[in-house]
Amino acid sequence: MGKIIHAFLLFAIMFPSIVCAQIKIQLLDQDNQPVSQAVISIPSEIVSDSVAQTAIMDQVNKQFVPHVLLVNQGQLVSFPNSDDIRHHVYSFSEPKPFEIKLYRGTPIAPGLFDKPGIVILGCNVHDRMVGYIYVTDNSIASVTDENGMAVFEVQAPKEVKIWHSRLSESADKSISMPLVKRNDEGVWQITINLRPLVVKAPRKFKARFN
């Protein structure tokens, strides 16, 4: 057993980029509260194989589920409607402007999200329905949970990229933050400033989709 451990340590020293460690990152706001539904991403040269899988952005109880959907560039997304009422899904966002007119059930074909960026979703019938699709450019990314936590199986980078809908008024901006602080449990902690929560009705699609 001792020889095996010694060999592994020697391999880790010689090839540190291959032997990855688990890191945990916790996102906090200016009031030291956990920030959920944020995307933390780390640049990677590894291309994900999940592009072959169709991601699901459902509609349940007049809400997009999940609120933030993380997909890879080139991945298909389906928009089933699990409510017993009709929805009219649309987006004005530059990476993927589209609309799915009034429907129930599941649309015939999923949509291709082939440009990286933030796609903000709305429903023309229910103005308070807002959702987000974060399209990565082959970065390693994760959505923070209710405790503001994200876990990665990589070596700790010098900095990470962070997106949250309340980082900017337009809800499509990201920031880069360094990893400089760890708590007693070894969790990297990052503090960001969020804009106040304001409920605004999304724009109607009629100005663009005729």
N, C-alpha and C. Protein backbone atom coordinates (compact mmCIF):
# COMPACT_ATOMS: atom_id res chain seq x y z
N MET A 1 0.83 -1.21 0.00
CA MET A 1 0.00 0.00 0.00
C MET A 1 0.86 1.25 0.00
N GLY A 2 1.98 1.21 0.78
CA GLY A 2 2.86 2.36 0.84
C GLY A 2 3.46 2.69 -0.51
N LYS A 3 3.79 1.66 -1.29
CA LYS A 3 4.36 1.89 -2.62
C LYS A 3 3.34 2.53 -3.55
N ILE A 4 2.06 2.11 -3.40
CA ILE A 4 1.00 2.66 -4.24
C ILE A 4 0.81 4.15 -3.96
N ILE A 5 0.77 4.51 -2.67
CA ILE A 5 0.61 5.91 -2.29
C ILE A 5 1.78 6.74 -2.77
N HIS A 6 3.00 6.18 -2.62
CA HIS A 6 4.19 6.90 -3.06
C HIS A 6 4.15 7.13 -4.57
N ALA A 7 3.72 6.11 -5.31
CA ALA A 7 3.64 6.24 -6.77
C ALA A 7 2.60 7.28 -7.17
N PHE A 8 1.47 7.30 -6.44
CA PHE A 8 0.43 8.29 -6.75
C PHE A 8 0.92 9.70 -6.48
N LEU A 9 1.61 9.90 -5.36
CA LEU A 9 2.14 11.22 -5.03
C LEU A 9 3.17 11.66 -6.06
N LEU A 10 4.01 10.74 -6.50
CA LEU A 10 5.00 11.07 -7.53
C LEU A 10 4.32 11.45 -8.83
N PHE A 11 3.25 10.71 -9.18
CA PHE A 11 2.50 11.03 -10.40
C PHE A 11 1.85 12.40 -10.29
N ALA A 12 1.31 12.72 -9.09
CA ALA A 12 0.66 14.01 -8.89
C ALA A 12 1.64 15.16 -9.02
N ILE A 13 2.87 14.94 -8.56
CA ILE A 13 3.90 15.98 -8.66
C ILE A 13 4.31 16.18 -10.11
N MET A 14 4.45 15.08 -10.83
CA MET A 14 4.91 15.17 -12.22
C MET A 14 3.81 15.67 -13.16
N PHE A 15 2.55 15.31 -12.85
CA PHE A 15 1.44 15.67 -13.73
C PHE A 15 0.30 16.30 -12.92
N PRO A 16 0.52 17.49 -12.36
CA PRO A 16 -0.49 18.11 -11.50
C PRO A 16 -1.77 18.44 -12.24
N SER A 17 -1.73 18.69 -13.55
CA SER A 17 -2.94 19.07 -14.28
C SER A 17 -3.87 17.88 -14.49
N ILE A 18 -3.33 16.65 -14.35
CA ILE A 18 -4.15 15.46 -14.55
C ILE A 18 -4.83 15.04 -13.26
N VAL A 19 -4.12 15.15 -12.13
CA VAL A 19 -4.67 14.77 -10.84
C VAL A 19 -5.46 15.96 -10.29
N CYS A 20 -6.77 15.85 -10.27
CA CYS A 20 -7.62 16.97 -9.87
C CYS A 20 -8.12 16.77 -8.44
N ALA A 21 -8.28 17.85 -7.74
CA ALA A 21 -8.82 17.84 -6.40
C ALA A 21 -10.20 18.47 -6.42
N GLN A 22 -10.99 18.17 -5.40
CA GLN A 22 -12.31 18.78 -5.29
C GLN A 22 -12.20 20.11 -4.57
N ILE A 23 -12.81 21.13 -5.14
CA ILE A 23 -12.85 22.42 -4.46
C ILE A 23 -14.30 22.85 -4.30
N LYS A 24 -14.57 23.54 -3.20
CA LYS A 24 -15.90 24.06 -2.92
C LYS A 24 -15.83 25.58 -2.87
N ILE A 25 -16.79 26.21 -3.52
CA ILE A 25 -16.85 27.67 -3.56
C ILE A 25 -18.22 28.10 -3.06
N GLN A 26 -18.22 29.03 -2.11
CA GLN A 26 -19.47 29.58 -1.60
C GLN A 26 -19.58 31.05 -1.97
N LEU A 27 -20.74 31.40 -2.51
CA LEU A 27 -20.99 32.77 -2.94
C LEU A 27 -21.87 33.46 -1.90
N LEU A 28 -21.42 34.66 -1.46
CA LEU A 28 -22.16 35.44 -0.46
C LEU A 28 -22.44 36.83 -1.02
N ASP A 29 -23.54 37.44 -0.56
CA ASP A 29 -23.83 38.81 -0.99
C ASP A 29 -23.26 39.82 -0.01
N GLN A 30 -23.55 41.09 -0.23
CA GLN A 30 -22.99 42.16 0.59
C GLN A 30 -23.49 42.11 2.04
N ASP A 31 -24.57 41.36 2.28
CA ASP A 31 -25.10 41.19 3.64
C ASP A 31 -24.67 39.87 4.25
N ASN A 32 -23.70 39.23 3.62
CA ASN A 32 -23.14 37.95 4.07
C ASN A 32 -24.16 36.82 4.02
N GLN A 33 -25.13 36.92 3.09
CA GLN A 33 -26.13 35.89 2.89
C GLN A 33 -25.77 35.04 1.67
N PRO A 34 -26.07 33.73 1.72
CA PRO A 34 -25.75 32.86 0.58
C PRO A 34 -26.48 33.31 -0.68
N VAL A 35 -25.81 33.19 -1.80
CA VAL A 35 -26.39 33.57 -3.09
C VAL A 35 -26.65 32.30 -3.89
N SER A 36 -27.92 31.96 -4.06
CA SER A 36 -28.29 30.81 -4.86
C SER A 36 -28.61 31.24 -6.29
N GLN A 37 -28.76 30.27 -7.18
CA GLN A 37 -29.12 30.52 -8.58
C GLN A 37 -28.09 31.40 -9.30
N ALA A 38 -26.84 31.31 -8.89
CA ALA A 38 -25.74 31.97 -9.59
C ALA A 38 -24.96 30.90 -10.35
N VAL A 39 -24.27 31.30 -11.41
CA VAL A 39 -23.43 30.37 -12.15
C VAL A 39 -21.97 30.74 -11.92
N ILE A 40 -21.20 29.77 -11.47
CA ILE A 40 -19.76 29.93 -11.31
C ILE A 40 -19.09 29.05 -12.36
N SER A 41 -18.18 29.63 -13.13
CA SER A 41 -17.53 28.86 -14.19
C SER A 41 -16.02 29.02 -14.15
N ILE A 42 -15.35 27.97 -14.61
CA ILE A 42 -13.89 27.91 -14.64
C ILE A 42 -13.48 27.51 -16.05
N PRO A 43 -12.55 28.25 -16.68
CA PRO A 43 -12.11 27.89 -18.04
C PRO A 43 -11.57 26.47 -18.09
N SER A 44 -11.86 25.77 -19.19
CA SER A 44 -11.42 24.39 -19.33
C SER A 44 -11.14 24.09 -20.80
N GLU A 45 -10.17 23.21 -21.03
CA GLU A 45 -9.88 22.76 -22.39
C GLU A 45 -10.61 21.46 -22.70
N ILE A 46 -11.33 20.93 -21.71
CA ILE A 46 -12.06 19.68 -21.89
C ILE A 46 -13.44 19.98 -22.44
N VAL A 47 -13.79 19.39 -23.56
CA VAL A 47 -15.11 19.59 -24.16
C VAL A 47 -16.10 18.63 -23.52
N SER A 48 -17.20 19.15 -23.01
CA SER A 48 -18.20 18.32 -22.36
C SER A 48 -18.92 17.43 -23.37
N ASP A 49 -19.28 16.21 -22.94
CA ASP A 49 -20.03 15.32 -23.82
C ASP A 49 -21.53 15.46 -23.64
N SER A 50 -21.97 16.43 -22.78
CA SER A 50 -23.40 16.58 -22.51
C SER A 50 -24.14 17.26 -23.66
N VAL A 51 -23.41 17.73 -24.69
CA VAL A 51 -24.10 18.35 -25.82
C VAL A 51 -25.00 17.35 -26.54
N ALA A 52 -24.74 16.06 -26.33
CA ALA A 52 -25.57 15.04 -26.97
C ALA A 52 -26.90 14.86 -26.25
N GLN A 53 -27.02 15.42 -25.06
CA GLN A 53 -28.23 15.28 -24.27
C GLN A 53 -29.11 16.52 -24.45
N THR A 54 -30.40 16.33 -24.54
CA THR A 54 -31.34 17.44 -24.63
C THR A 54 -31.68 17.94 -23.24
N ALA A 55 -31.42 19.21 -22.98
CA ALA A 55 -31.73 19.80 -21.68
C ALA A 55 -33.21 20.16 -21.62
N ILE A 56 -33.74 20.27 -20.40
CA ILE A 56 -35.17 20.52 -20.22
C ILE A 56 -35.38 21.81 -19.44
N MET A 57 -36.14 22.74 -20.03
CA MET A 57 -36.62 23.92 -19.32
C MET A 57 -38.15 23.80 -19.25
N ASP A 58 -38.63 23.33 -18.11
CA ASP A 58 -40.06 23.05 -17.94
C ASP A 58 -40.80 24.32 -17.51
N GLN A 59 -42.11 24.21 -17.49
CA GLN A 59 -42.98 25.29 -16.99
C GLN A 59 -43.98 24.67 -16.03
N VAL A 60 -43.84 25.03 -14.75
CA VAL A 60 -44.64 24.43 -13.69
C VAL A 60 -45.16 25.53 -12.78
N ASN A 61 -46.47 25.54 -12.54
CA ASN A 61 -47.09 26.54 -11.66
C ASN A 61 -46.72 27.97 -12.09
N LYS A 62 -46.76 28.18 -13.40
CA LYS A 62 -46.47 29.49 -13.99
C LYS A 62 -45.06 29.98 -13.65
N GLN A 63 -44.13 29.04 -13.60
CA GLN A 63 -42.73 29.36 -13.38
C GLN A 63 -41.88 28.50 -14.30
N PHE A 64 -40.72 29.06 -14.72
CA PHE A 64 -39.75 28.25 -15.44
C PHE A 64 -39.00 27.38 -14.44
N VAL A 65 -38.86 26.10 -14.76
CA VAL A 65 -38.20 25.15 -13.87
C VAL A 65 -37.18 24.34 -14.67
N PRO A 66 -35.88 24.49 -14.33
CA PRO A 66 -35.32 25.29 -13.23
C PRO A 66 -35.31 26.79 -13.56
N HIS A 67 -35.14 27.59 -12.52
CA HIS A 67 -35.08 29.04 -12.73
C HIS A 67 -33.87 29.41 -13.56
N VAL A 68 -32.76 28.71 -13.33
CA VAL A 68 -31.53 28.89 -14.11
C VAL A 68 -31.12 27.53 -14.67
N LEU A 69 -31.09 27.43 -15.98
CA LEU A 69 -30.69 26.20 -16.65
C LEU A 69 -29.30 26.38 -17.25
N LEU A 70 -28.42 25.46 -16.91
CA LEU A 70 -27.04 25.51 -17.40
C LEU A 70 -26.88 24.51 -18.54
N VAL A 71 -26.48 25.00 -19.72
CA VAL A 71 -26.26 24.12 -20.87
C VAL A 71 -24.93 24.45 -21.52
N ASN A 72 -24.46 23.52 -22.35
CA ASN A 72 -23.22 23.74 -23.09
C ASN A 72 -23.52 24.27 -24.48
N GLN A 73 -22.59 25.02 -25.02
CA GLN A 73 -22.74 25.53 -26.38
C GLN A 73 -22.95 24.38 -27.35
N GLY A 74 -24.00 24.49 -28.17
CA GLY A 74 -24.32 23.43 -29.11
C GLY A 74 -25.32 22.42 -28.58
N GLN A 75 -25.87 22.67 -27.39
CA GLN A 75 -26.81 21.73 -26.80
C GLN A 75 -28.25 22.10 -27.17
N LEU A 76 -29.11 21.10 -27.28
CA LEU A 76 -30.52 21.30 -27.55
C LEU A 76 -31.28 21.48 -26.24
N VAL A 77 -32.32 22.33 -26.29
CA VAL A 77 -33.16 22.57 -25.11
C VAL A 77 -34.62 22.39 -25.50
N SER A 78 -35.33 21.59 -24.71
CA SER A 78 -36.75 21.38 -24.92
C SER A 78 -37.53 22.19 -23.90
N PHE A 79 -38.72 22.67 -24.27
CA PHE A 79 -39.53 23.53 -23.42
C PHE A 79 -40.92 22.93 -23.17
N PRO A 80 -40.99 21.82 -22.44
CA PRO A 80 -42.30 21.25 -22.15
C PRO A 80 -43.12 22.17 -21.26
N ASN A 81 -44.42 22.13 -21.43
CA ASN A 81 -45.35 22.90 -20.59
C ASN A 81 -46.12 21.91 -19.73
N SER A 82 -45.75 21.83 -18.46
CA SER A 82 -46.40 20.88 -17.55
C SER A 82 -47.64 21.47 -16.88
N ASP A 83 -47.94 22.74 -17.15
CA ASP A 83 -49.16 23.35 -16.61
C ASP A 83 -50.36 22.91 -17.45
N ASP A 84 -51.56 23.11 -16.88
CA ASP A 84 -52.78 22.79 -17.62
C ASP A 84 -53.33 24.02 -18.34
N ILE A 85 -52.48 25.01 -18.52
CA ILE A 85 -52.82 26.23 -19.26
C ILE A 85 -51.75 26.43 -20.33
N ARG A 86 -52.03 27.30 -21.29
CA ARG A 86 -51.08 27.53 -22.36
C ARG A 86 -50.07 28.62 -21.99
N HIS A 87 -48.85 28.47 -22.49
CA HIS A 87 -47.79 29.46 -22.33
C HIS A 87 -47.29 29.89 -23.71
N HIS A 88 -46.66 31.05 -23.74
CA HIS A 88 -46.07 31.58 -24.97
C HIS A 88 -44.66 32.05 -24.62
N VAL A 89 -43.69 31.17 -24.86
CA VAL A 89 -42.31 31.40 -24.43
C VAL A 89 -41.55 32.19 -25.49
N TYR A 90 -40.72 33.13 -25.04
CA TYR A 90 -39.94 33.93 -25.99
C TYR A 90 -38.67 34.45 -25.32
N SER A 91 -37.74 34.94 -26.14
CA SER A 91 -36.54 35.61 -25.66
C SER A 91 -36.08 36.62 -26.69
N PHE A 92 -35.60 37.77 -26.20
CA PHE A 92 -34.99 38.79 -27.05
C PHE A 92 -33.46 38.69 -27.03
N SER A 93 -32.91 37.81 -26.19
CA SER A 93 -31.47 37.79 -25.94
C SER A 93 -30.68 37.46 -27.19
N GLU A 94 -29.56 38.15 -27.38
CA GLU A 94 -28.75 38.03 -28.60
C GLU A 94 -28.28 36.60 -28.87
N PRO A 95 -27.89 35.81 -27.85
CA PRO A 95 -27.45 34.45 -28.17
C PRO A 95 -28.55 33.57 -28.77
N LYS A 96 -29.84 33.88 -28.45
CA LYS A 96 -30.91 33.00 -28.95
C LYS A 96 -32.26 33.71 -28.91
N PRO A 97 -32.54 34.63 -29.85
CA PRO A 97 -33.88 35.20 -29.94
C PRO A 97 -34.83 34.17 -30.56
N PHE A 98 -35.98 33.95 -29.92
CA PHE A 98 -36.92 32.94 -30.43
C PHE A 98 -38.28 33.14 -29.76
N GLU A 99 -39.27 32.43 -30.28
CA GLU A 99 -40.57 32.37 -29.63
C GLU A 99 -41.21 31.02 -29.92
N ILE A 100 -41.97 30.55 -28.96
CA ILE A 100 -42.80 29.36 -29.13
C ILE A 100 -44.22 29.81 -28.81
N LYS A 101 -45.04 29.91 -29.83
CA LYS A 101 -46.37 30.49 -29.66
C LYS A 101 -47.24 29.61 -28.76
N LEU A 102 -48.36 30.18 -28.34
CA LEU A 102 -49.25 29.54 -27.37
C LEU A 102 -49.35 28.02 -27.56
N TYR A 103 -49.02 27.28 -26.50
CA TYR A 103 -49.02 25.82 -26.62
C TYR A 103 -49.18 25.16 -25.26
N ARG A 104 -49.59 23.92 -25.30
CA ARG A 104 -49.58 23.02 -24.16
C ARG A 104 -48.72 21.81 -24.50
N GLY A 105 -48.36 21.05 -23.47
CA GLY A 105 -47.57 19.85 -23.73
C GLY A 105 -46.14 20.17 -24.12
N THR A 106 -45.59 19.44 -25.06
CA THR A 106 -44.20 19.60 -25.47
C THR A 106 -44.12 20.03 -26.94
N PRO A 107 -43.36 21.08 -27.24
CA PRO A 107 -43.19 21.49 -28.64
C PRO A 107 -42.63 20.35 -29.48
N ILE A 108 -42.86 20.43 -30.77
CA ILE A 108 -42.44 19.35 -31.66
C ILE A 108 -40.93 19.14 -31.63
N ALA A 109 -40.16 20.22 -31.66
CA ALA A 109 -38.70 20.09 -31.74
C ALA A 109 -38.03 21.00 -30.72
N PRO A 110 -36.93 20.54 -30.09
CA PRO A 110 -36.18 21.40 -29.18
C PRO A 110 -35.40 22.45 -29.95
N GLY A 111 -34.93 23.49 -29.26
CA GLY A 111 -34.16 24.55 -29.89
C GLY A 111 -32.67 24.35 -29.68
N LEU A 112 -31.88 24.75 -30.67
CA LEU A 112 -30.42 24.63 -30.59
C LEU A 112 -29.84 25.91 -30.02
N PHE A 113 -29.05 25.79 -28.96
CA PHE A 113 -28.41 26.95 -28.33
C PHE A 113 -26.91 26.87 -28.65
N ASP A 114 -26.54 27.49 -29.76
CA ASP A 114 -25.18 27.33 -30.27
C ASP A 114 -24.29 28.54 -30.05
N LYS A 115 -24.77 29.54 -29.32
CA LYS A 115 -23.94 30.70 -29.00
C LYS A 115 -23.86 30.86 -27.48
N PRO A 116 -22.65 31.07 -26.94
CA PRO A 116 -22.53 31.23 -25.49
C PRO A 116 -23.12 32.56 -25.03
N GLY A 117 -23.59 32.58 -23.80
CA GLY A 117 -24.15 33.81 -23.23
C GLY A 117 -25.38 33.52 -22.41
N ILE A 118 -26.07 34.59 -22.00
CA ILE A 118 -27.25 34.49 -21.17
C ILE A 118 -28.50 34.68 -22.02
N VAL A 119 -29.42 33.74 -21.94
CA VAL A 119 -30.69 33.84 -22.64
C VAL A 119 -31.79 34.05 -21.60
N ILE A 120 -32.41 35.23 -21.64
CA ILE A 120 -33.46 35.57 -20.68
C ILE A 120 -34.81 35.19 -21.28
N LEU A 121 -35.58 34.41 -20.54
CA LEU A 121 -36.86 33.89 -21.01
C LEU A 121 -38.02 34.64 -20.39
N GLY A 122 -39.09 34.78 -21.16
CA GLY A 122 -40.32 35.35 -20.66
C GLY A 122 -41.50 34.60 -21.23
N CYS A 123 -42.69 34.87 -20.70
CA CYS A 123 -43.94 34.32 -21.22
C CYS A 123 -44.86 35.48 -21.54
N ASN A 124 -45.35 35.53 -22.76
CA ASN A 124 -46.19 36.65 -23.16
C ASN A 124 -47.56 36.64 -22.48
N VAL A 125 -47.94 35.50 -21.91
CA VAL A 125 -49.23 35.40 -21.22
C VAL A 125 -49.09 35.76 -19.75
N HIS A 126 -47.98 35.35 -19.15
CA HIS A 126 -47.77 35.56 -17.71
C HIS A 126 -46.49 36.37 -17.52
N ASP A 127 -46.68 37.68 -17.29
CA ASP A 127 -45.56 38.61 -17.29
C ASP A 127 -44.53 38.34 -16.20
N ARG A 128 -44.91 37.68 -15.12
CA ARG A 128 -43.96 37.45 -14.02
C ARG A 128 -43.15 36.18 -14.21
N MET A 129 -43.39 35.47 -15.27
CA MET A 129 -42.56 34.29 -15.57
C MET A 129 -41.25 34.74 -16.19
N VAL A 130 -40.17 34.54 -15.48
CA VAL A 130 -38.83 34.88 -15.99
C VAL A 130 -37.89 33.72 -15.68
N GLY A 131 -37.14 33.30 -16.66
CA GLY A 131 -36.16 32.25 -16.46
C GLY A 131 -34.89 32.57 -17.22
N TYR A 132 -33.84 31.80 -16.97
CA TYR A 132 -32.54 32.08 -17.57
C TYR A 132 -31.90 30.79 -18.07
N ILE A 133 -31.33 30.84 -19.25
CA ILE A 133 -30.51 29.75 -19.76
C ILE A 133 -29.09 30.27 -19.93
N TYR A 134 -28.17 29.67 -19.21
CA TYR A 134 -26.75 30.06 -19.27
C TYR A 134 -26.06 29.08 -20.20
N VAL A 135 -25.59 29.58 -21.34
CA VAL A 135 -24.93 28.74 -22.34
C VAL A 135 -23.42 28.91 -22.18
N THR A 136 -22.74 27.86 -21.75
CA THR A 136 -21.30 27.94 -21.51
C THR A 136 -20.53 27.72 -22.81
N ASP A 137 -19.30 28.21 -22.84
CA ASP A 137 -18.40 27.99 -23.97
C ASP A 137 -17.38 26.92 -23.60
N ASN A 138 -17.89 25.76 -23.17
CA ASN A 138 -17.07 24.62 -22.76
C ASN A 138 -16.29 24.87 -21.47
N SER A 139 -16.74 25.84 -20.68
CA SER A 139 -16.17 26.02 -19.35
C SER A 139 -16.77 24.97 -18.41
N ILE A 140 -16.06 24.71 -17.31
CA ILE A 140 -16.62 23.89 -16.24
C ILE A 140 -17.48 24.82 -15.39
N ALA A 141 -18.75 24.55 -15.29
CA ALA A 141 -19.66 25.49 -14.63
C ALA A 141 -20.62 24.75 -13.71
N SER A 142 -21.14 25.51 -12.74
CA SER A 142 -22.10 24.93 -11.80
C SER A 142 -23.01 26.04 -11.29
N VAL A 143 -24.27 25.68 -11.00
CA VAL A 143 -25.24 26.61 -10.42
C VAL A 143 -25.20 26.47 -8.91
N THR A 144 -25.09 27.57 -8.18
CA THR A 144 -25.01 27.51 -6.73
C THR A 144 -26.33 27.06 -6.13
N ASP A 145 -26.25 26.29 -5.04
CA ASP A 145 -27.45 25.79 -4.37
C ASP A 145 -27.97 26.81 -3.36
N GLU A 146 -28.92 26.39 -2.52
CA GLU A 146 -29.53 27.32 -1.56
C GLU A 146 -28.56 27.84 -0.53
N ASN A 147 -27.42 27.16 -0.36
CA ASN A 147 -26.38 27.63 0.55
C ASN A 147 -25.29 28.43 -0.17
N GLY A 148 -25.53 28.73 -1.45
CA GLY A 148 -24.54 29.48 -2.23
C GLY A 148 -23.34 28.66 -2.62
N MET A 149 -23.46 27.32 -2.58
CA MET A 149 -22.31 26.45 -2.79
C MET A 149 -22.28 25.88 -4.20
N ALA A 150 -21.05 25.73 -4.71
CA ALA A 150 -20.80 25.04 -5.97
C ALA A 150 -19.55 24.18 -5.76
N VAL A 151 -19.56 22.97 -6.31
CA VAL A 151 -18.45 22.03 -6.12
C VAL A 151 -17.86 21.68 -7.48
N PHE A 152 -16.53 21.66 -7.55
CA PHE A 152 -15.82 21.37 -8.80
C PHE A 152 -14.75 20.32 -8.55
N GLU A 153 -14.57 19.44 -9.52
CA GLU A 153 -13.50 18.44 -9.45
C GLU A 153 -12.31 18.93 -10.27
N VAL A 154 -11.68 20.00 -9.81
CA VAL A 154 -10.55 20.60 -10.52
C VAL A 154 -9.57 21.17 -9.50
N GLN A 155 -8.40 21.52 -9.99
CA GLN A 155 -7.47 22.27 -9.17
C GLN A 155 -8.01 23.69 -9.00
N ALA A 156 -7.78 24.30 -7.87
CA ALA A 156 -8.27 25.65 -7.61
C ALA A 156 -7.63 26.64 -8.58
N PRO A 157 -8.44 27.37 -9.35
CA PRO A 157 -7.88 28.36 -10.28
C PRO A 157 -7.57 29.67 -9.55
N LYS A 158 -6.93 30.58 -10.24
CA LYS A 158 -6.65 31.88 -9.63
C LYS A 158 -7.91 32.73 -9.53
N GLU A 159 -8.82 32.58 -10.50
CA GLU A 159 -10.06 33.33 -10.47
C GLU A 159 -11.16 32.55 -11.16
N VAL A 160 -12.40 32.96 -10.90
CA VAL A 160 -13.56 32.31 -11.51
C VAL A 160 -14.46 33.38 -12.11
N LYS A 161 -15.32 32.94 -13.00
CA LYS A 161 -16.30 33.82 -13.62
C LYS A 161 -17.65 33.60 -12.95
N ILE A 162 -18.35 34.69 -12.64
CA ILE A 162 -19.61 34.60 -11.89
C ILE A 162 -20.71 35.34 -12.64
N TRP A 163 -21.86 34.70 -12.72
CA TRP A 163 -23.05 35.37 -13.26
C TRP A 163 -24.21 35.21 -12.27
N HIS A 164 -24.97 36.28 -12.13
CA HIS A 164 -26.23 36.23 -11.38
C HIS A 164 -27.15 37.28 -11.98
N SER A 165 -28.43 37.02 -11.97
CA SER A 165 -29.38 37.92 -12.63
C SER A 165 -29.41 39.31 -12.00
N ARG A 166 -28.95 39.43 -10.74
CA ARG A 166 -28.98 40.72 -10.06
C ARG A 166 -27.61 41.39 -9.98
N LEU A 167 -26.67 40.92 -10.79
CA LEU A 167 -25.38 41.60 -10.85
C LEU A 167 -25.47 42.88 -11.67
N SER A 168 -26.43 42.94 -12.58
CA SER A 168 -26.59 44.11 -13.43
C SER A 168 -28.07 44.31 -13.73
N GLU A 169 -28.43 45.51 -14.16
CA GLU A 169 -29.82 45.79 -14.48
C GLU A 169 -30.30 44.97 -15.67
N SER A 170 -29.40 44.72 -16.61
CA SER A 170 -29.77 43.96 -17.79
C SER A 170 -29.81 42.45 -17.55
N ALA A 171 -29.29 42.00 -16.42
CA ALA A 171 -29.29 40.59 -16.01
C ALA A 171 -28.46 39.69 -16.89
N ASP A 172 -27.60 40.24 -17.75
CA ASP A 172 -26.81 39.40 -18.65
C ASP A 172 -25.30 39.62 -18.52
N LYS A 173 -24.89 40.24 -17.42
CA LYS A 173 -23.47 40.54 -17.24
C LYS A 173 -22.82 39.55 -16.27
N SER A 174 -21.55 39.24 -16.54
CA SER A 174 -20.74 38.39 -15.67
C SER A 174 -19.55 39.17 -15.16
N ILE A 175 -18.97 38.69 -14.06
CA ILE A 175 -17.78 39.32 -13.50
C ILE A 175 -16.74 38.23 -13.20
N SER A 176 -15.49 38.62 -13.12
CA SER A 176 -14.42 37.71 -12.73
C SER A 176 -13.95 38.08 -11.33
N MET A 177 -13.78 37.05 -10.49
CA MET A 177 -13.38 37.28 -9.10
C MET A 177 -12.25 36.31 -8.74
N PRO A 178 -11.24 36.78 -7.98
CA PRO A 178 -10.14 35.90 -7.58
C PRO A 178 -10.54 35.02 -6.40
N LEU A 179 -9.87 33.87 -6.29
CA LEU A 179 -10.03 33.02 -5.12
C LEU A 179 -8.92 33.39 -4.12
N VAL A 180 -9.29 34.06 -3.05
CA VAL A 180 -8.28 34.54 -2.11
C VAL A 180 -8.60 34.18 -0.66
N LYS A 181 -9.85 33.76 -0.38
CA LYS A 181 -10.26 33.55 1.00
C LYS A 181 -10.91 32.19 1.18
N ARG A 182 -10.42 31.44 2.19
CA ARG A 182 -11.02 30.16 2.55
C ARG A 182 -11.41 30.16 4.02
N ASN A 183 -12.55 29.52 4.34
CA ASN A 183 -12.96 29.44 5.74
C ASN A 183 -12.29 28.25 6.42
N ASP A 184 -12.68 27.99 7.68
CA ASP A 184 -12.03 26.93 8.45
C ASP A 184 -12.29 25.54 7.88
N GLU A 185 -13.36 25.41 7.07
CA GLU A 185 -13.66 24.12 6.45
C GLU A 185 -12.98 23.96 5.09
N GLY A 186 -12.19 24.95 4.72
CA GLY A 186 -11.50 24.88 3.44
C GLY A 186 -12.33 25.28 2.25
N VAL A 187 -13.48 25.93 2.50
CA VAL A 187 -14.35 26.38 1.42
C VAL A 187 -13.94 27.78 0.98
N TRP A 188 -13.72 27.94 -0.34
CA TRP A 188 -13.43 29.26 -0.87
C TRP A 188 -14.69 30.11 -0.80
N GLN A 189 -14.56 31.33 -0.29
CA GLN A 189 -15.72 32.22 -0.16
C GLN A 189 -15.49 33.49 -0.98
N ILE A 190 -16.52 33.86 -1.73
CA ILE A 190 -16.48 35.05 -2.57
C ILE A 190 -17.69 35.92 -2.24
N THR A 191 -17.47 37.21 -2.05
CA THR A 191 -18.56 38.14 -1.77
C THR A 191 -18.80 39.02 -2.99
N ILE A 192 -20.08 39.11 -3.39
CA ILE A 192 -20.44 39.95 -4.52
C ILE A 192 -21.55 40.91 -4.11
N ASN A 193 -21.67 42.01 -4.83
CA ASN A 193 -22.72 42.99 -4.58
C ASN A 193 -23.87 42.76 -5.55
N LEU A 194 -25.05 42.54 -5.00
CA LEU A 194 -26.23 42.31 -5.82
C LEU A 194 -27.14 43.53 -5.80
N ARG A 195 -27.80 43.77 -6.90
CA ARG A 195 -28.78 44.84 -6.98
C ARG A 195 -30.03 44.45 -6.19
N PRO A 196 -30.79 45.44 -5.70
CA PRO A 196 -32.04 45.12 -4.98
C PRO A 196 -32.98 44.32 -5.86
N LEU A 197 -33.74 43.44 -5.22
CA LEU A 197 -34.70 42.62 -5.94
C LEU A 197 -35.89 43.47 -6.36
N VAL A 198 -36.09 43.59 -7.67
CA VAL A 198 -37.20 44.38 -8.21
C VAL A 198 -37.97 43.50 -9.18
N VAL A 199 -39.27 43.41 -8.98
CA VAL A 199 -40.11 42.61 -9.88
C VAL A 199 -40.54 43.49 -11.04
N LYS A 200 -40.07 43.14 -12.23
CA LYS A 200 -40.43 43.90 -13.42
C LYS A 200 -41.06 42.98 -14.44
N ALA A 201 -42.02 43.48 -15.16
CA ALA A 201 -42.65 42.68 -16.21
C ALA A 201 -41.74 42.62 -17.42
N PRO A 202 -41.51 41.42 -17.98
CA PRO A 202 -40.70 41.31 -19.20
C PRO A 202 -41.39 42.02 -20.36
N ARG A 203 -40.60 42.41 -21.35
CA ARG A 203 -41.16 43.05 -22.54
C ARG A 203 -42.04 42.09 -23.32
N LYS A 204 -43.02 42.62 -23.99
CA LYS A 204 -43.83 41.81 -24.88
C LYS A 204 -43.03 41.45 -26.12
N PHE A 205 -43.42 40.36 -26.75
CA PHE A 205 -42.69 39.92 -27.93
C PHE A 205 -43.16 40.64 -29.19
N LYS A 206 -44.29 41.30 -29.14
CA LYS A 206 -44.91 41.81 -30.37
C LYS A 206 -44.04 42.82 -31.12
N ALA A 207 -43.20 43.56 -30.41
CA ALA A 207 -42.37 44.57 -31.08
C ALA A 207 -41.35 43.93 -32.01
N ARG A 208 -41.02 42.68 -31.77
CA ARG A 208 -39.98 42.04 -32.57
C ARG A 208 -40.51 40.89 -33.41
N PHE A 209 -41.41 40.10 -32.83
CA PHE A 209 -41.97 38.97 -33.54
C PHE A 209 -43.35 39.34 -34.08
N ASN A 210 -43.50 39.47 -35.36
CA ASN A 210 -44.76 39.85 -35.96
C ASN A 210 -45.49 38.63 -36.51
